[in-house]
C-alpha atoms as a PDB file:
ATOM      1  CA  MET A   1     108.106   7.955 119.023  1.00  0.00           C
ATOM      2  CA  PRO A   2     106.189  10.254 116.610  1.00  0.00           C
ATOM      3  CA  GLY A   3     105.333  13.634 117.970  1.00  0.00           C
ATOM      4  CA  ARG A   4     107.748  13.498 120.825  1.00  0.00           C
ATOM      5  CA  THR A   5     110.569  15.998 121.407  1.00  0.00           C
ATOM      6  CA  PRO A   6     113.799  14.051 122.410  1.00  0.00           C
ATOM      7  CA  PHE A   7     115.313  15.053 125.682  1.00  0.00           C
ATOM      8  CA  LEU A   8     118.829  16.645 125.368  1.00  0.00           C
ATOM      9  CA  GLN A   9     121.338  17.660 128.025  1.00  0.00           C
ATOM     10  CA  SER A  10     121.501  21.103 126.210  1.00  0.00           C
ATOM     11  CA  MET A  11     117.787  21.465 126.097  1.00  0.00           C
ATOM     12  CA  THR A  12     116.825  25.121 125.930  1.00  0.00           C
ATOM     13  CA  GLN A  13     113.921  27.275 127.158  1.00  0.00           C
ATOM     14  CA  GLU A  14     112.977  27.588 123.537  1.00  0.00           C
ATOM     15  CA  ALA A  15     112.487  23.878 123.321  1.00  0.00           C
ATOM     16  CA  VAL A  16     110.282  23.804 126.310  1.00  0.00           C
ATOM     17  CA  LEU A  17     108.440  26.897 125.001  1.00  0.00           C
ATOM     18  CA  ALA A  18     107.752  24.905 121.737  1.00  0.00           C
ATOM     19  CA  VAL A  19     106.001  22.250 123.722  1.00  0.00           C
ATOM     20  CA  LEU A  20     103.913  24.740 125.698  1.00  0.00           C
ATOM     21  CA  LYS A  21     102.663  26.203 122.483  1.00  0.00           C
ATOM     22  CA  THR A  22     100.708  22.925 121.995  1.00  0.00           C
ATOM     23  CA  VAL A  23      98.657  23.751 125.132  1.00  0.00           C
ATOM     24  CA  LYS A  24      95.515  25.647 124.133  1.00  0.00           C
ATOM     25  CA  TYR A  25      93.795  28.086 126.266  1.00  0.00           C
ATOM     26  CA  PRO A  26      90.530  26.515 127.213  1.00  0.00           C
ATOM     27  CA  GLY A  27      87.808  27.401 124.812  1.00  0.00           C
ATOM     28  CA  TYR A  28      90.139  28.971 122.204  1.00  0.00           C
ATOM     29  CA  SER A  29      92.422  27.748 119.473  1.00  0.00           C
ATOM     30  CA  ARG A  30      95.210  29.968 120.652  1.00  0.00           C
ATOM     31  CA  ASP A  31      97.843  28.642 122.924  1.00  0.00           C
ATOM     32  CA  ILE A  32      98.951  29.863 126.320  1.00  0.00           C
ATOM     33  CA  VAL A  33     102.364  31.078 125.046  1.00  0.00           C
ATOM     34  CA  SER A  34     100.774  33.375 122.387  1.00  0.00           C
ATOM     35  CA  PHE A  35      98.471  34.696 124.983  1.00  0.00           C
ATOM     36  CA  GLY A  36     101.509  35.738 127.096  1.00  0.00           C
ATOM     37  CA  LEU A  37     100.669  33.598 130.119  1.00  0.00           C
ATOM     38  CA  VAL A  38     104.078  31.687 130.377  1.00  0.00           C
ATOM     39  CA  LYS A  39     106.225  33.961 132.523  1.00  0.00           C
ATOM     40  CA  GLU A  40     109.208  31.754 133.569  1.00  0.00           C
ATOM     41  CA  ILE A  41     110.943  28.513 132.605  1.00  0.00           C
ATOM     42  CA  GLN A  42     113.693  26.821 134.553  1.00  0.00           C
ATOM     43  CA  ILE A  43     115.678  23.757 133.538  1.00  0.00           C
ATOM     44  CA  ASP A  44     117.545  21.730 136.131  1.00  0.00           C
ATOM     45  CA  GLY A  45     119.064  18.598 134.636  1.00  0.00           C
ATOM     46  CA  ALA A  46     116.095  16.423 133.708  1.00  0.00           C
ATOM     47  CA  ALA A  47     113.456  18.572 135.530  1.00  0.00           C
ATOM     48  CA  VAL A  48     111.612  21.521 134.147  1.00  0.00           C
ATOM     49  CA  GLY A  49     109.775  24.172 136.081  1.00  0.00           C
ATOM     50  CA  VAL A  50     107.154  26.523 134.489  1.00  0.00           C
ATOM     51  CA  LEU A  51     105.472  29.554 135.993  1.00  0.00           C
ATOM     52  CA  ILE A  52     102.111  30.605 134.311  1.00  0.00           C
ATOM     53  CA  GLU A  53     100.177  33.779 135.331  1.00  0.00           C
ATOM     54  CA  LEU A  54      96.606  34.185 134.546  1.00  0.00           C
ATOM     55  CA  THR A  55      94.648  37.447 134.257  1.00  0.00           C
ATOM     56  CA  THR A  56      91.350  35.869 135.256  1.00  0.00           C
ATOM     57  CA  PRO A  57      90.457  35.037 138.933  1.00  0.00           C
ATOM     58  CA  ASN A  58      89.425  31.443 138.147  1.00  0.00           C
ATOM     59  CA  PRO A  59      91.140  28.648 140.125  1.00  0.00           C
ATOM     60  CA  GLU A  60      89.478  25.881 138.100  1.00  0.00           C
ATOM     61  CA  LEU A  61      90.891  27.331 134.945  1.00  0.00           C
ATOM     62  CA  GLY A  62      94.341  27.506 136.435  1.00  0.00           C
ATOM     63  CA  ASP A  63      94.051  23.798 137.397  1.00  0.00           C
ATOM     64  CA  GLN A  64      92.964  22.888 133.888  1.00  0.00           C
ATOM     65  CA  ILE A  65      95.818  24.739 132.265  1.00  0.00           C
ATOM     66  CA  ALA A  66      98.406  23.365 134.810  1.00  0.00           C
ATOM     67  CA  GLU A  67      97.383  19.825 134.165  1.00  0.00           C
ATOM     68  CA  ALA A  68      97.455  20.199 130.373  1.00  0.00           C
ATOM     69  CA  ALA A  69     100.855  21.786 130.534  1.00  0.00           C
ATOM     70  CA  ARG A  70     102.177  18.861 132.684  1.00  0.00           C
ATOM     71  CA  LEU A  71     100.883  16.317 130.432  1.00  0.00           C
ATOM     72  CA  ALA A  72     102.327  18.056 127.297  1.00  0.00           C
ATOM     73  CA  LEU A  73     105.765  18.245 128.889  1.00  0.00           C
ATOM     74  CA  ARG A  74     105.721  14.655 130.106  1.00  0.00           C
ATOM     75  CA  ASP A  75     104.413  13.328 126.772  1.00  0.00           C
ATOM     76  CA  ARG A  76     106.711  15.238 124.489  1.00  0.00           C
ATOM     77  CA  ILE A  77     109.966  15.416 126.252  1.00  0.00           C
ATOM     78  CA  GLU A  78     111.621  12.037 126.431  1.00  0.00           C
ATOM     79  CA  GLY A  79     113.613  11.317 129.670  1.00  0.00           C
ATOM     80  CA  LEU A  80     111.820  14.153 131.648  1.00  0.00           C
ATOM     81  CA  THR A  81     111.879  13.201 135.405  1.00  0.00           C
ATOM     82  CA  ASP A  82     109.822  16.047 136.673  1.00  0.00           C
ATOM     83  CA  ALA A  83     107.564  18.713 135.328  1.00  0.00           C
ATOM     84  CA  HIS A  84     106.619  21.361 137.946  1.00  0.00           C
ATOM     85  CA  VAL A  85     103.978  23.649 136.718  1.00  0.00           C
ATOM     86  CA  GLN A  86     102.907  26.612 138.967  1.00  0.00           C
ATOM     87  CA  VAL A  87      99.844  28.674 137.982  1.00  0.00           C
ATOM     88  CA  ARG A  88      99.295  31.976 139.729  1.00  0.00           C
ATOM     89  CA  VAL A  89      95.609  33.115 139.758  1.00  0.00           C
ATOM     90  CA  PRO A  90      94.977  36.730 140.650  1.00  0.00           C
ATOM     91  CA  SER A  91      92.286  37.745 143.089  1.00  0.00           C
ATOM     92  CA  ALA A  92      89.169  39.490 141.761  1.00  0.00           C
ATOM     93  CA  GLN A  93      90.599  42.787 143.056  1.00  0.00           C
ATOM     94  CA  GLN A  94      93.957  42.174 141.335  1.00  0.00           C
ATOM     95  CA  ALA A  95      92.316  41.158 138.126  1.00  0.00           C
ATOM     96  CA  ALA A  96      90.185  44.331 138.084  1.00  0.00           C
ATOM     97  CA  ALA A  97      93.345  46.461 138.791  1.00  0.00           C
ATOM     98  CA  ALA A  98      95.152  44.689 135.947  1.00  0.00           C
ATOM     99  CA  ALA A  99      92.338  44.997 133.366  1.00  0.00           C
ATOM    100  CA  PRO A 100      93.358  46.462 130.044  1.00  0.00           C
ATOM    101  CA  GLY A 101      92.996  50.227 130.001  1.00  0.00           C
ATOM    102  CA  THR A 102      92.787  50.470 133.827  1.00  0.00           C
ATOM    103  CA  ALA A 103      96.333  49.545 134.923  1.00  0.00           C
ATOM    104  CA  LEU A 104      98.705  52.557 134.832  1.00  0.00           C
ATOM    105  CA  LYS A 105     101.400  50.517 133.221  1.00  0.00           C
ATOM    106  CA  ASN A 106      99.038  49.766 130.229  1.00  0.00           C
ATOM    107  CA  LYS A 107      97.994  53.369 129.758  1.00  0.00           C
ATOM    108  CA  ILE A 108      99.396  55.165 126.642  1.00  0.00           C
ATOM    109  CA  PRO A 109     100.559  58.771 127.511  1.00  0.00           C
ATOM    110  CA  GLY A 110      98.155  61.368 126.005  1.00  0.00           C
ATOM    111  CA  LEU A 111      95.304  59.015 125.318  1.00  0.00           C
ATOM    112  CA  ALA A 112      92.652  59.681 127.907  1.00  0.00           C
ATOM    113  CA  ARG A 113      90.204  56.934 126.798  1.00  0.00           C
ATOM    114  CA  VAL A 114      90.571  54.032 124.447  1.00  0.00           C
ATOM    115  CA  VAL A 115      87.221  52.574 123.349  1.00  0.00           C
ATOM    116  CA  ALA A 116      86.623  49.628 121.112  1.00  0.00           C
ATOM    117  CA  VAL A 117      83.748  49.511 118.614  1.00  0.00           C
ATOM    118  CA  ALA A 118      82.886  45.892 117.999  1.00  0.00           C
ATOM    119  CA  SER A 119      80.271  43.634 116.532  1.00  0.00           C
ATOM    120  CA  GLY A 120      79.628  39.905 116.986  1.00  0.00           C
ATOM    121  CA  LYS A 121      79.197  39.500 113.175  1.00  0.00           C
ATOM    122  CA  GLY A 122      79.760  41.472 109.925  1.00  0.00           C
ATOM    123  CA  GLY A 123      77.147  43.426 108.065  1.00  0.00           C
ATOM    124  CA  VAL A 124      75.737  45.371 111.064  1.00  0.00           C
ATOM    125  CA  GLY A 125      77.413  48.789 110.131  1.00  0.00           C
ATOM    126  CA  LYS A 126      80.017  48.662 112.749  1.00  0.00           C
ATOM    127  CA  SER A 127      82.552  50.731 110.796  1.00  0.00           C
ATOM    128  CA  THR A 128      79.842  53.184 109.801  1.00  0.00           C
ATOM    129  CA  CYS A 129      78.984  53.645 113.474  1.00  0.00           C
ATOM    130  CA  ALA A 130      82.711  54.056 114.321  1.00  0.00           C
ATOM    131  CA  VAL A 131      83.434  56.798 111.839  1.00  0.00           C
ATOM    132  CA  ASN A 132      80.174  58.660 112.675  1.00  0.00           C
ATOM    133  CA  LEU A 133      80.758  58.207 116.329  1.00  0.00           C
ATOM    134  CA  ALA A 134      84.290  59.582 116.053  1.00  0.00           C
ATOM    135  CA  CYS A 135      82.983  62.608 114.155  1.00  0.00           C
ATOM    136  CA  ALA A 136      80.062  63.061 116.610  1.00  0.00           C
ATOM    137  CA  LEU A 137      82.470  63.189 119.585  1.00  0.00           C
ATOM    138  CA  GLN A 138      84.671  65.646 117.614  1.00  0.00           C
ATOM    139  CA  HIS A 139      81.499  67.717 116.955  1.00  0.00           C
ATOM    140  CA  LEU A 140      80.766  67.794 120.684  1.00  0.00           C
ATOM    141  CA  GLY A 141      84.197  69.268 121.297  1.00  0.00           C
ATOM    142  CA  ALA A 142      86.370  66.209 122.094  1.00  0.00           C
ATOM    143  CA  THR A 143      89.854  65.536 120.535  1.00  0.00           C
ATOM    144  CA  VAL A 144      89.407  62.318 118.760  1.00  0.00           C
ATOM    145  CA  GLY A 145      91.432  59.512 117.011  1.00  0.00           C
ATOM    146  CA  LEU A 146      90.199  56.531 115.057  1.00  0.00           C
ATOM    147  CA  LEU A 147      92.212  53.379 114.737  1.00  0.00           C
ATOM    148  CA  ASP A 148      91.216  50.918 112.078  1.00  0.00           C
ATOM    149  CA  CYS A 149      92.000  47.384 113.423  1.00  0.00           C
ATOM    150  CA  ASP A 150      90.321  45.523 110.536  1.00  0.00           C
ATOM    151  CA  ILE A 151      93.617  44.616 109.024  1.00  0.00           C
ATOM    152  CA  TYR A 152      92.199  42.314 106.369  1.00  0.00           C
ATOM    153  CA  GLY A 153      89.455  44.685 105.257  1.00  0.00           C
ATOM    154  CA  PRO A 154      90.263  48.324 106.256  1.00  0.00           C
ATOM    155  CA  SER A 155      87.382  50.557 105.317  1.00  0.00           C
ATOM    156  CA  ILE A 156      88.101  53.732 107.398  1.00  0.00           C
ATOM    157  CA  PRO A 157      90.065  55.494 104.571  1.00  0.00           C
ATOM    158  CA  LEU A 158      87.189  55.178 102.208  1.00  0.00           C
ATOM    159  CA  MET A 159      84.612  56.271 104.764  1.00  0.00           C
ATOM    160  CA  MET A 160      86.606  59.208 105.946  1.00  0.00           C
ATOM    161  CA  GLY A 161      87.588  60.253 102.366  1.00  0.00           C
ATOM    162  CA  LEU A 162      91.377  60.107 102.870  1.00  0.00           C
ATOM    163  CA  ASN A 163      93.953  58.014 101.119  1.00  0.00           C
ATOM    164  CA  GLU A 164      97.487  59.134 101.854  1.00  0.00           C
ATOM    165  CA  ARG A 165     100.590  57.701 103.460  1.00  0.00           C
ATOM    166  CA  PRO A 166     101.412  58.828 106.995  1.00  0.00           C
ATOM    167  CA  GLY A 167     104.401  61.001 107.564  1.00  0.00           C
ATOM    168  CA  LEU A 168     107.262  60.253 110.029  1.00  0.00           C
ATOM    169  CA  THR A 169     108.363  62.309 113.046  1.00  0.00           C
ATOM    170  CA  ALA A 170     112.054  62.831 113.907  1.00  0.00           C
ATOM    171  CA  ASP A 171     111.987  59.785 116.130  1.00  0.00           C
ATOM    172  CA  GLU A 172     110.413  57.692 113.294  1.00  0.00           C
ATOM    173  CA  LYS A 173     106.759  57.588 114.679  1.00  0.00           C
ATOM    174  CA  LEU A 174     103.952  57.531 112.206  1.00  0.00           C
ATOM    175  CA  ILE A 175     102.029  60.791 111.871  1.00  0.00           C
ATOM    176  CA  PRO A 176      98.312  60.079 111.699  1.00  0.00           C
ATOM    177  CA  PRO A 177      96.526  61.756 108.712  1.00  0.00           C
ATOM    178  CA  VAL A 178      93.583  63.926 109.811  1.00  0.00           C
ATOM    179  CA  ALA A 179      90.057  63.957 108.176  1.00  0.00           C
ATOM    180  CA  HIS A 180      87.139  65.976 109.511  1.00  0.00           C
ATOM    181  CA  GLY A 181      89.181  66.782 112.534  1.00  0.00           C
ATOM    182  CA  VAL A 182      89.763  63.172 113.523  1.00  0.00           C
ATOM    183  CA  LYS A 183      93.213  61.676 113.586  1.00  0.00           C
ATOM    184  CA  LEU A 184      93.334  58.333 111.638  1.00  0.00           C
ATOM    185  CA  MET A 185      95.449  55.245 111.234  1.00  0.00           C
ATOM    186  CA  SER A 186      94.779  52.246 109.057  1.00  0.00           C
ATOM    187  CA  MET A 187      96.447  49.524 107.191  1.00  0.00           C
ATOM    188  CA  GLY A 188      94.656  51.012 104.158  1.00  0.00           C
ATOM    189  CA  PHE A 189      97.033  53.952 104.278  1.00  0.00           C
ATOM    190  CA  LEU A 190     100.084  51.577 103.984  1.00  0.00           C
ATOM    191  CA  ILE A 191      99.065  49.260 101.196  1.00  0.00           C
ATOM    192  CA  GLY A 192      97.498  49.485  97.712  1.00  0.00           C
ATOM    193  CA  ASP A 193      93.878  49.530  97.193  1.00  0.00           C
ATOM    194  CA  ASP A 194      93.915  45.988  95.674  1.00  0.00           C
ATOM    195  CA  GLN A 195      96.670  44.578  97.773  1.00  0.00           C
ATOM    196  CA  PRO A 196      95.546  41.804 100.063  1.00  0.00           C
ATOM    197  CA  VAL A 197      96.875  41.273 103.591  1.00  0.00           C
ATOM    198  CA  ILE A 198      97.698  37.691 103.987  1.00  0.00           C
ATOM    199  CA  TRP A 199      99.174  37.450 107.536  1.00  0.00           C
ATOM    200  CA  ARG A 200      98.895  35.124 110.466  1.00  0.00           C
ATOM    201  CA  GLY A 201      97.719  36.035 113.930  1.00  0.00           C
ATOM    202  CA  PRO A 202     101.074  37.182 115.378  1.00  0.00           C
ATOM    203  CA  MET A 203     101.804  39.541 112.555  1.00  0.00           C
ATOM    204  CA  ILE A 204      98.349  41.137 113.085  1.00  0.00           C
ATOM    205  CA  GLN A 205      99.065  41.478 116.811  1.00  0.00           C
ATOM    206  CA  LYS A 206     102.434  43.049 116.159  1.00  0.00           C
ATOM    207  CA  THR A 207     100.913  45.572 113.651  1.00  0.00           C
ATOM    208  CA  ILE A 208      98.234  46.542 116.117  1.00  0.00           C
ATOM    209  CA  GLN A 209     100.972  47.184 118.813  1.00  0.00           C
ATOM    210  CA  GLN A 210     102.810  49.358 116.431  1.00  0.00           C
ATOM    211  CA  PHE A 211      99.608  51.276 115.553  1.00  0.00           C
ATOM    212  CA  ILE A 212      99.169  52.036 119.209  1.00  0.00           C
ATOM    213  CA  HIS A 213     102.680  52.692 120.407  1.00  0.00           C
ATOM    214  CA  GLN A 214     104.505  53.866 117.189  1.00  0.00           C
ATOM    215  CA  VAL A 215     102.007  56.458 116.126  1.00  0.00           C
ATOM    216  CA  ASP A 216     102.270  60.014 117.217  1.00  0.00           C
ATOM    217  CA  TRP A 217      98.621  60.320 118.467  1.00  0.00           C
ATOM    218  CA  GLY A 218      99.399  63.406 120.570  1.00  0.00           C
ATOM    219  CA  THR A 219      96.812  64.255 123.238  1.00  0.00           C
ATOM    220  CA  LEU A 220      93.325  62.696 122.703  1.00  0.00           C
ATOM    221  CA  ASP A 221      90.150  62.706 124.739  1.00  0.00           C
ATOM    222  CA  PHE A 222      89.109  59.459 122.878  1.00  0.00           C
ATOM    223  CA  LEU A 223      90.836  56.950 120.617  1.00  0.00           C
ATOM    224  CA  LEU A 224      88.146  54.837 118.990  1.00  0.00           C
ATOM    225  CA  VAL A 225      89.257  51.408 117.858  1.00  0.00           C
ATOM    226  CA  ASP A 226      87.310  49.937 114.956  1.00  0.00           C
ATOM    227  CA  MET A 227      87.585  46.231 115.674  1.00  0.00           C
ATOM    228  CA  PRO A 228      87.290  43.496 112.972  1.00  0.00           C
ATOM    229  CA  PRO A 229      83.862  41.797 112.992  1.00  0.00           C
ATOM    230  CA  GLY A 230      83.460  38.519 115.037  1.00  0.00           C
ATOM    231  CA  THR A 231      84.421  37.258 118.387  1.00  0.00           C
ATOM    232  CA  GLY A 232      87.337  34.825 117.652  1.00  0.00           C
ATOM    233  CA  ASP A 233      90.964  34.540 118.559  1.00  0.00           C
ATOM    234  CA  ALA A 234      91.930  37.598 116.606  1.00  0.00           C
ATOM    235  CA  GLN A 235      89.428  39.834 118.351  1.00  0.00           C
ATOM    236  CA  LEU A 236      90.381  38.424 121.776  1.00  0.00           C
ATOM    237  CA  SER A 237      94.007  39.007 121.028  1.00  0.00           C
ATOM    238  CA  LEU A 238      93.310  42.653 120.083  1.00  0.00           C
ATOM    239  CA  CYS A 239      91.414  43.184 123.268  1.00  0.00           C
ATOM    240  CA  GLN A 240      94.511  41.980 125.174  1.00  0.00           C
ATOM    241  CA  THR A 241      96.914  44.053 123.026  1.00  0.00           C
ATOM    242  CA  VAL A 242      95.085  47.340 123.021  1.00  0.00           C
ATOM    243  CA  PRO A 243      94.824  49.045 126.465  1.00  0.00           C
ATOM    244  CA  LEU A 244      91.047  49.355 126.292  1.00  0.00           C
ATOM    245  CA  ASP A 245      88.998  51.497 128.681  1.00  0.00           C
ATOM    246  CA  GLY A 246      85.730  50.047 127.440  1.00  0.00           C
ATOM    247  CA  GLY A 247      83.838  48.484 124.577  1.00  0.00           C
ATOM    248  CA  VAL A 248      80.800  49.392 122.462  1.00  0.00           C
ATOM    249  CA  ILE A 249      78.845  46.699 120.701  1.00  0.00           C
ATOM    250  CA  VAL A 250      77.037  47.383 117.531  1.00  0.00           C
ATOM    251  CA  THR A 251      74.061  45.161 116.514  1.00  0.00           C
ATOM    252  CA  THR A 252      70.928  45.275 114.367  1.00  0.00           C
ATOM    253  CA  PRO A 253      67.356  44.389 115.666  1.00  0.00           C
ATOM    254  CA  GLN A 254      67.041  40.921 114.187  1.00  0.00           C
ATOM    255  CA  GLU A 255      67.711  37.767 116.199  1.00  0.00           C
ATOM    256  CA  ALA A 256      70.601  36.640 113.956  1.00  0.00           C
ATOM    257  CA  SER A 257      72.534  39.654 115.196  1.00  0.00           C
ATOM    258  CA  LEU A 258      71.354  39.549 118.762  1.00  0.00           C
ATOM    259  CA  GLY A 259      72.430  36.047 119.166  1.00  0.00           C
ATOM    260  CA  VAL A 260      76.092  37.014 118.550  1.00  0.00           C
ATOM    261  CA  VAL A 261      75.823  40.084 120.790  1.00  0.00           C
ATOM    262  CA  ARG A 262      76.019  37.680 123.679  1.00  0.00           C
ATOM    263  CA  LYS A 263      79.295  36.422 122.351  1.00  0.00           C
ATOM    264  CA  GLY A 264      80.606  40.008 122.095  1.00  0.00           C
ATOM    265  CA  VAL A 265      79.595  40.613 125.706  1.00  0.00           C
ATOM    266  CA  ALA A 266      81.305  37.400 126.745  1.00  0.00           C
ATOM    267  CA  MET A 267      84.427  38.367 124.903  1.00  0.00           C
ATOM    268  CA  PHE A 268      84.776  41.738 126.671  1.00  0.00           C
ATOM    269  CA  GLU A 269      84.035  40.056 129.941  1.00  0.00           C
ATOM    270  CA  LYS A 270      86.639  37.395 129.427  1.00  0.00           C
ATOM    271  CA  VAL A 271      89.403  40.027 129.258  1.00  0.00           C
ATOM    272  CA  ASP A 272      87.909  42.319 131.890  1.00  0.00           C
ATOM    273  CA  VAL A 273      86.996  45.202 129.539  1.00  0.00           C
ATOM    274  CA  PRO A 274      84.017  47.234 130.728  1.00  0.00           C
ATOM    275  CA  ILE A 275      81.104  47.238 128.350  1.00  0.00           C
ATOM    276  CA  LEU A 276      80.100  50.932 127.742  1.00  0.00           C
ATOM    277  CA  GLY A 277      76.904  49.985 126.019  1.00  0.00           C
ATOM    278  CA  LEU A 278      75.072  48.692 122.904  1.00  0.00           C
ATOM    279  CA  ILE A 279      74.059  50.457 119.762  1.00  0.00           C
ATOM    280  CA  GLU A 280      71.093  49.284 117.687  1.00  0.00           C
ATOM    281  CA  ASN A 281      71.894  50.176 114.092  1.00  0.00           C
ATOM    282  CA  MET A 282      69.399  50.056 111.147  1.00  0.00           C
ATOM    283  CA  SER A 283      66.740  50.295 113.813  1.00  0.00           C
ATOM    284  CA  TYR A 284      63.968  51.421 111.459  1.00  0.00           C
ATOM    285  CA  PHE A 285      63.396  53.170 108.064  1.00  0.00           C
ATOM    286  CA  THR A 286      61.207  56.243 107.536  1.00  0.00           C
ATOM    287  CA  ALA A 287      59.394  55.931 104.217  1.00  0.00           C
ATOM    288  CA  PRO A 288      58.739  58.933 101.880  1.00  0.00           C
ATOM    289  CA  ASP A 289      55.225  59.200 103.132  1.00  0.00           C
ATOM    290  CA  GLY A 290      56.658  59.521 106.788  1.00  0.00           C
ATOM    291  CA  SER A 291      55.469  56.064 107.970  1.00  0.00           C
ATOM    292  CA  ARG A 292      57.968  54.077 109.965  1.00  0.00           C
ATOM    293  CA  VAL A 293      59.067  50.698 108.594  1.00  0.00           C
ATOM    294  CA  GLU A 294      60.875  48.266 110.860  1.00  0.00           C
ATOM    295  CA  ILE A 295      62.620  46.248 108.200  1.00  0.00           C
ATOM    296  CA  PHE A 296      64.706  44.191 110.666  1.00  0.00           C
ATOM    297  CA  GLY A 297      62.288  44.276 113.531  1.00  0.00           C
ATOM    298  CA  HIS A 298      62.670  46.681 116.417  1.00  0.00           C
ATOM    299  CA  GLY A 299      63.610  47.000 120.005  1.00  0.00           C
ATOM    300  CA  GLY A 300      65.764  43.870 120.107  1.00  0.00           C
ATOM    301  CA  GLY A 301      68.837  45.690 120.884  1.00  0.00           C
ATOM    302  CA  LYS A 302      67.423  47.569 123.904  1.00  0.00           C
ATOM    303  CA  ALA A 303      65.830  44.300 125.172  1.00  0.00           C
ATOM    304  CA  GLU A 304      69.082  42.437 124.820  1.00  0.00           C
ATOM    305  CA  ALA A 305      70.953  45.151 126.577  1.00  0.00           C
ATOM    306  CA  ALA A 306      68.584  44.992 129.493  1.00  0.00           C
ATOM    307  CA  ARG A 307      68.876  41.113 129.579  1.00  0.00           C
ATOM    308  CA  LYS A 308      72.651  41.351 129.722  1.00  0.00           C
ATOM    309  CA  GLY A 309      72.629  44.243 132.181  1.00  0.00           C
ATOM    310  CA  VAL A 310      74.628  46.634 129.890  1.00  0.00           C
ATOM    311  CA  PRO A 311      73.726  50.248 128.994  1.00  0.00           C
ATOM    312  CA  PHE A 312      71.710  50.930 125.904  1.00  0.00           C
ATOM    313  CA  LEU A 313      73.440  53.803 124.041  1.00  0.00           C
ATOM    314  CA  GLY A 314      70.578  54.441 121.499  1.00  0.00           C
ATOM    315  CA  GLU A 315      69.233  53.429 118.124  1.00  0.00           C
ATOM    316  CA  VAL A 316      70.329  54.601 114.751  1.00  0.00           C
ATOM    317  CA  PRO A 317      67.647  54.474 111.963  1.00  0.00           C
ATOM    318  CA  LEU A 318      68.304  53.344 108.374  1.00  0.00           C
ATOM    319  CA  PHE A 319      69.058  56.466 106.353  1.00  0.00           C
ATOM    320  CA  THR A 320      70.249  56.622 102.717  1.00  0.00           C
ATOM    321  CA  ALA A 321      72.252  59.681 103.842  1.00  0.00           C
ATOM    322  CA  ILE A 322      74.511  57.515 106.104  1.00  0.00           C
ATOM    323  CA  ARG A 323      75.352  55.163 103.257  1.00  0.00           C
ATOM    324  CA  GLU A 324      75.875  58.061 100.867  1.00  0.00           C
ATOM    325  CA  GLY A 325      78.135  59.729 103.343  1.00  0.00           C
ATOM    326  CA  GLY A 326      80.226  56.576 103.853  1.00  0.00           C
ATOM    327  CA  ASP A 327      80.622  56.091 100.057  1.00  0.00           C
ATOM    328  CA  ALA A 328      81.583  59.705  99.545  1.00  0.00           C
ATOM    329  CA  GLY A 329      84.023  59.897 102.377  1.00  0.00           C
ATOM    330  CA  VAL A 330      82.034  62.513 104.304  1.00  0.00           C
ATOM    331  CA  PRO A 331      80.214  61.031 107.201  1.00  0.00           C
ATOM    332  CA  VAL A 332      76.625  62.287 107.606  1.00  0.00           C
ATOM    333  CA  VAL A 333      77.630  63.854 110.934  1.00  0.00           C
ATOM    334  CA  VAL A 334      79.973  66.035 109.066  1.00  0.00           C
ATOM    335  CA  SER A 335      77.918  66.740 105.967  1.00  0.00           C
ATOM    336  CA  ALA A 336      74.548  67.295 107.665  1.00  0.00           C
ATOM    337  CA  PRO A 337      75.024  67.623 111.388  1.00  0.00           C
ATOM    338  CA  ASP A 338      71.440  68.867 111.939  1.00  0.00           C
ATOM    339  CA  SER A 339      69.877  66.009 109.894  1.00  0.00           C
ATOM    340  CA  PRO A 340      67.937  63.197 111.802  1.00  0.00           C
ATOM    341  CA  ALA A 341      70.661  60.691 110.726  1.00  0.00           C
ATOM    342  CA  ALA A 342      73.431  62.743 112.307  1.00  0.00           C
ATOM    343  CA  ARG A 343      71.397  63.609 115.401  1.00  0.00           C
ATOM    344  CA  ALA A 344      71.083  59.914 116.066  1.00  0.00           C
ATOM    345  CA  PHE A 345      74.943  59.539 116.208  1.00  0.00           C
ATOM    346  CA  ILE A 346      75.415  62.716 118.151  1.00  0.00           C
ATOM    347  CA  GLU A 347      72.986  61.621 120.900  1.00  0.00           C
ATOM    348  CA  VAL A 348      74.839  58.219 121.119  1.00  0.00           C
ATOM    349  CA  ALA A 349      78.125  60.137 121.479  1.00  0.00           C
ATOM    350  CA  ARG A 350      76.590  62.465 124.015  1.00  0.00           C
ATOM    351  CA  THR A 351      75.361  59.446 126.099  1.00  0.00           C
ATOM    352  CA  LEU A 352      78.845  57.884 125.798  1.00  0.00           C
ATOM    353  CA  MET A 353      80.577  61.069 127.025  1.00  0.00           C
ATOM    354  CA  THR A 354      78.374  61.224 130.120  1.00  0.00           C
ATOM    355  CA  ARG A 355      80.164  57.875 131.171  1.00  0.00           C
ATOM    356  CA  TRP A 356      83.058  59.991 132.208  1.00  0.00           C
ATOM    357  CA  GLY A 357      81.220  63.249 133.050  1.00  0.00           C
END
């Protein structure tokens, strides 16, 4: 029968795992195996037992996944007599304790806080905010690292004015290059300027794991993670791979951006990552005559933060100096820390630092 896996006396766990890879996590195109939910497989003659552990306290979700797994096993393994699927669902307290960045087993030694900078869509200035926020935290006295997780389109090397290959420690860990007092890591340091990265999801996830665990970050008050734009499988996978203490969402005032803010909030909520707040970028423009021009509207970010019940970290106006700093590799917080543009980022950083006192 087409699409079925024949039953063999020597059937292996790998064969069962291949079947379970066809079971999608509800609402996503990723499967339960790649999300790391399948914890145990037992084979006894013509019977198969599977243990699945969820990270979300949702019994209905567990029932849905269990039924889908049973149907896949029965449909695709010919001769199977029994498919026992057990799904463990954590309590709300257990889920909170196991949230990325809060469980001690997930913490990376030396990294006090790991914070994602994300956006629901491209074009809102997320990376610009990430580099200036990193430099602003450093300006305020924090030790800071910045990890560029936009594997397909790394922009941190350009914006921080650095393009050099990382060195290696004696135990073969990458030594992050430093620019403007901030430790950096990016795929842009490892490939040529015009070389595309054509990888599937598992390779991306493996690379991010290496950037976290195989880089000699030393001791940092903050490691900022510049996420790729969007809220799809890749972003969800990164949230589960990186031990995040919280997430910052960047948006612009117009409704087209605010609509996807809700998706960004939902993404962090789904993986139990605390939302530290929302930044409204390109909030307004100050014309040469001093008048204020709200090109993309105004106040939408603050209102959306209030609607979603998340903190509003501040608004960053549209300044030519911000764009020029990014193109020149010297963020405006570094080149002109007393300018209105830099002060906007520094106030956002100060607000963020008060989260932990």
